[in-house]
N, C-alpha and C. Protein backbone atom coordinates (compact mmCIF):
# COMPACT_ATOMS: atom_id res chain seq x y z
N MET A 1 37.58 -26.40 -12.58
CA MET A 1 37.61 -25.39 -11.53
C MET A 1 38.35 -25.93 -10.32
N ARG A 2 39.11 -25.05 -9.70
CA ARG A 2 39.82 -25.38 -8.46
C ARG A 2 39.29 -24.46 -7.37
N THR A 3 39.46 -24.87 -6.13
CA THR A 3 39.06 -24.06 -4.98
C THR A 3 40.30 -23.64 -4.22
N ALA A 4 40.37 -22.36 -3.90
CA ALA A 4 41.50 -21.83 -3.13
C ALA A 4 41.00 -21.27 -1.81
N THR A 5 41.79 -21.52 -0.77
CA THR A 5 41.58 -20.88 0.53
C THR A 5 42.86 -20.10 0.82
N ILE A 6 42.72 -18.79 0.91
CA ILE A 6 43.87 -17.91 1.08
C ILE A 6 43.83 -17.33 2.48
N GLN A 7 44.87 -17.61 3.26
CA GLN A 7 44.99 -17.08 4.62
C GLN A 7 45.66 -15.72 4.54
N LEU A 8 45.02 -14.71 5.10
CA LEU A 8 45.55 -13.36 5.11
C LEU A 8 46.19 -13.06 6.46
N GLU A 9 47.01 -12.00 6.49
CA GLU A 9 47.66 -11.60 7.74
C GLU A 9 46.61 -11.25 8.78
N SER A 10 45.71 -10.34 8.49
CA SER A 10 44.60 -10.03 9.39
C SER A 10 43.66 -9.05 8.72
N LEU A 11 42.42 -9.14 9.10
CA LEU A 11 41.41 -8.19 8.64
C LEU A 11 40.95 -7.40 9.86
N THR A 12 40.94 -6.09 9.74
CA THR A 12 40.62 -5.27 10.90
C THR A 12 39.29 -4.55 10.81
N CYS A 13 38.68 -4.53 9.61
CA CYS A 13 37.41 -3.81 9.50
C CYS A 13 36.62 -4.30 8.29
N PRO A 14 35.33 -4.02 8.27
CA PRO A 14 34.49 -4.44 7.14
C PRO A 14 34.93 -3.85 5.80
N SER A 15 35.48 -2.64 5.81
CA SER A 15 35.92 -2.06 4.53
C SER A 15 37.09 -2.84 3.94
N CYS A 16 37.89 -3.47 4.82
CA CYS A 16 38.98 -4.35 4.35
C CYS A 16 38.38 -5.49 3.53
N MET A 17 37.33 -6.07 4.05
CA MET A 17 36.67 -7.18 3.37
C MET A 17 36.17 -6.75 2.01
N GLN A 18 35.58 -5.58 1.92
CA GLN A 18 35.03 -5.09 0.66
C GLN A 18 36.13 -4.84 -0.36
N LYS A 19 37.25 -4.28 0.07
CA LYS A 19 38.37 -4.03 -0.85
C LYS A 19 38.92 -5.34 -1.42
N ILE A 20 39.10 -6.31 -0.55
CA ILE A 20 39.65 -7.60 -0.97
C ILE A 20 38.66 -8.31 -1.89
N GLU A 21 37.40 -8.31 -1.53
CA GLU A 21 36.38 -8.96 -2.35
C GLU A 21 36.34 -8.34 -3.75
N ALA A 22 36.35 -7.03 -3.83
CA ALA A 22 36.31 -6.35 -5.14
C ALA A 22 37.56 -6.67 -5.96
N ALA A 23 38.72 -6.69 -5.31
CA ALA A 23 39.96 -6.97 -6.02
C ALA A 23 39.98 -8.39 -6.58
N VAL A 24 39.54 -9.35 -5.79
CA VAL A 24 39.53 -10.75 -6.22
C VAL A 24 38.50 -10.97 -7.33
N LYS A 25 37.34 -10.37 -7.18
CA LYS A 25 36.29 -10.54 -8.20
C LYS A 25 36.69 -9.92 -9.54
N ALA A 26 37.59 -8.95 -9.53
CA ALA A 26 38.03 -8.29 -10.76
C ALA A 26 39.05 -9.12 -11.55
N VAL A 27 39.56 -10.19 -10.96
CA VAL A 27 40.57 -11.02 -11.63
C VAL A 27 39.87 -11.95 -12.62
N PRO A 28 40.21 -11.86 -13.92
CA PRO A 28 39.61 -12.77 -14.89
C PRO A 28 39.95 -14.23 -14.55
N GLY A 29 38.94 -15.08 -14.62
CA GLY A 29 39.15 -16.49 -14.30
C GLY A 29 38.64 -16.88 -12.94
N VAL A 30 38.32 -15.89 -12.09
CA VAL A 30 37.76 -16.15 -10.77
C VAL A 30 36.24 -16.25 -10.91
N ASP A 31 35.64 -17.27 -10.33
CA ASP A 31 34.18 -17.41 -10.31
C ASP A 31 33.65 -16.45 -9.25
N THR A 32 33.13 -15.32 -9.69
CA THR A 32 32.73 -14.26 -8.76
C THR A 32 31.61 -14.67 -7.82
N THR A 33 30.84 -15.68 -8.20
CA THR A 33 29.73 -16.11 -7.33
C THR A 33 30.22 -16.90 -6.12
N THR A 34 31.48 -17.31 -6.13
CA THR A 34 31.99 -18.14 -5.04
C THR A 34 32.91 -17.39 -4.07
N VAL A 35 33.21 -16.14 -4.34
CA VAL A 35 34.17 -15.40 -3.51
C VAL A 35 33.55 -15.10 -2.14
N GLN A 36 34.24 -15.55 -1.09
CA GLN A 36 33.83 -15.30 0.29
C GLN A 36 35.03 -14.76 1.05
N VAL A 37 34.87 -13.61 1.68
CA VAL A 37 35.90 -13.07 2.56
C VAL A 37 35.40 -13.29 3.98
N LEU A 38 36.13 -14.08 4.73
CA LEU A 38 35.72 -14.46 6.09
C LEU A 38 36.47 -13.61 7.11
N PHE A 39 35.75 -12.67 7.71
CA PHE A 39 36.37 -11.69 8.61
C PHE A 39 37.01 -12.34 9.84
N ASN A 40 36.28 -13.20 10.52
CA ASN A 40 36.77 -13.77 11.78
C ASN A 40 38.01 -14.63 11.62
N SER A 41 38.13 -15.32 10.50
CA SER A 41 39.30 -16.19 10.30
C SER A 41 40.34 -15.59 9.35
N SER A 42 40.08 -14.38 8.84
CA SER A 42 40.99 -13.70 7.91
C SER A 42 41.34 -14.58 6.71
N LYS A 43 40.29 -15.14 6.09
CA LYS A 43 40.49 -16.01 4.93
C LYS A 43 39.63 -15.55 3.76
N VAL A 44 40.11 -15.90 2.58
CA VAL A 44 39.34 -15.71 1.36
C VAL A 44 39.17 -17.08 0.73
N LYS A 45 37.93 -17.43 0.39
CA LYS A 45 37.65 -18.70 -0.30
C LYS A 45 37.05 -18.37 -1.65
N LEU A 46 37.47 -19.11 -2.68
CA LEU A 46 36.97 -18.86 -4.02
C LEU A 46 37.25 -20.04 -4.93
N ASP A 47 36.51 -20.09 -6.02
CA ASP A 47 36.77 -21.04 -7.09
C ASP A 47 37.37 -20.26 -8.26
N PHE A 48 38.28 -20.91 -8.98
CA PHE A 48 38.90 -20.25 -10.12
C PHE A 48 39.23 -21.27 -11.20
N ASN A 49 39.33 -20.79 -12.43
CA ASN A 49 39.68 -21.62 -13.56
C ASN A 49 41.18 -21.51 -13.77
N GLU A 50 41.91 -22.58 -13.46
CA GLU A 50 43.37 -22.52 -13.53
C GLU A 50 43.89 -22.41 -14.96
N ALA A 51 43.03 -22.62 -15.96
CA ALA A 51 43.44 -22.40 -17.35
C ALA A 51 43.47 -20.91 -17.68
N GLU A 52 42.78 -20.10 -16.87
CA GLU A 52 42.70 -18.66 -17.12
C GLU A 52 43.51 -17.81 -16.15
N VAL A 53 43.72 -18.32 -14.93
CA VAL A 53 44.38 -17.50 -13.91
C VAL A 53 45.16 -18.41 -12.95
N SER A 54 46.27 -17.90 -12.46
CA SER A 54 47.06 -18.65 -11.48
C SER A 54 46.76 -18.15 -10.07
N VAL A 55 47.09 -18.97 -9.10
CA VAL A 55 46.93 -18.57 -7.70
C VAL A 55 47.77 -17.33 -7.42
N GLU A 56 48.95 -17.26 -8.01
CA GLU A 56 49.84 -16.11 -7.80
C GLU A 56 49.18 -14.81 -8.26
N GLU A 57 48.45 -14.87 -9.37
CA GLU A 57 47.77 -13.67 -9.86
C GLU A 57 46.68 -13.23 -8.89
N ILE A 58 45.98 -14.16 -8.30
CA ILE A 58 44.95 -13.84 -7.31
C ILE A 58 45.60 -13.25 -6.07
N GLU A 59 46.69 -13.87 -5.61
CA GLU A 59 47.41 -13.34 -4.45
C GLU A 59 47.93 -11.93 -4.73
N ASN A 60 48.44 -11.69 -5.92
CA ASN A 60 48.95 -10.36 -6.27
C ASN A 60 47.85 -9.31 -6.27
N ALA A 61 46.64 -9.69 -6.67
CA ALA A 61 45.51 -8.75 -6.63
C ALA A 61 45.22 -8.33 -5.19
N ILE A 62 45.34 -9.27 -4.27
CA ILE A 62 45.14 -8.96 -2.85
C ILE A 62 46.25 -8.06 -2.34
N ARG A 63 47.48 -8.35 -2.72
CA ARG A 63 48.62 -7.52 -2.29
C ARG A 63 48.52 -6.09 -2.83
N ARG A 64 48.02 -5.96 -4.06
CA ARG A 64 47.91 -4.62 -4.67
C ARG A 64 46.97 -3.70 -3.90
N VAL A 65 46.00 -4.26 -3.18
CA VAL A 65 45.09 -3.42 -2.39
C VAL A 65 45.56 -3.30 -0.94
N GLY A 66 46.77 -3.80 -0.65
CA GLY A 66 47.39 -3.52 0.63
C GLY A 66 47.33 -4.60 1.69
N TYR A 67 47.05 -5.84 1.31
CA TYR A 67 46.95 -6.91 2.30
C TYR A 67 47.95 -8.02 2.02
N GLU A 68 48.46 -8.60 3.06
CA GLU A 68 49.50 -9.63 2.94
C GLU A 68 48.90 -11.02 3.00
N VAL A 69 49.35 -11.87 2.08
CA VAL A 69 48.93 -13.26 2.02
C VAL A 69 49.91 -14.08 2.84
N GLN A 70 49.40 -14.91 3.74
CA GLN A 70 50.28 -15.77 4.55
C GLN A 70 50.50 -17.11 3.87
N LYS A 71 49.42 -17.75 3.44
CA LYS A 71 49.55 -19.03 2.74
C LYS A 71 48.26 -19.29 1.96
N THR A 72 48.39 -20.15 0.96
CA THR A 72 47.25 -20.50 0.12
C THR A 72 47.17 -22.01 -0.01
N ARG A 73 45.97 -22.53 0.12
CA ARG A 73 45.73 -23.96 -0.08
C ARG A 73 44.78 -24.11 -1.26
N VAL A 74 45.14 -25.00 -2.20
CA VAL A 74 44.33 -25.21 -3.40
C VAL A 74 43.89 -26.66 -3.44
N LYS A 75 42.61 -26.86 -3.74
CA LYS A 75 42.06 -28.22 -3.90
C LYS A 75 41.59 -28.38 -5.32
């Protein structure tokens, strides 16, 4: 498992958080129990199995619901 911290352009409301959380949790390979959308810092933190999903696929799921990814850090 790897941990990703994804910096978003900005979050403006709680419904934004819910859309992003649902989109990320729907990606196969993401550990749904670890997904955190942090409103104040406009970040998403999660664990994922890199054998099943790439960071790009997770970023694309976020883009598909209308939010821009600024940068991603993976540990």
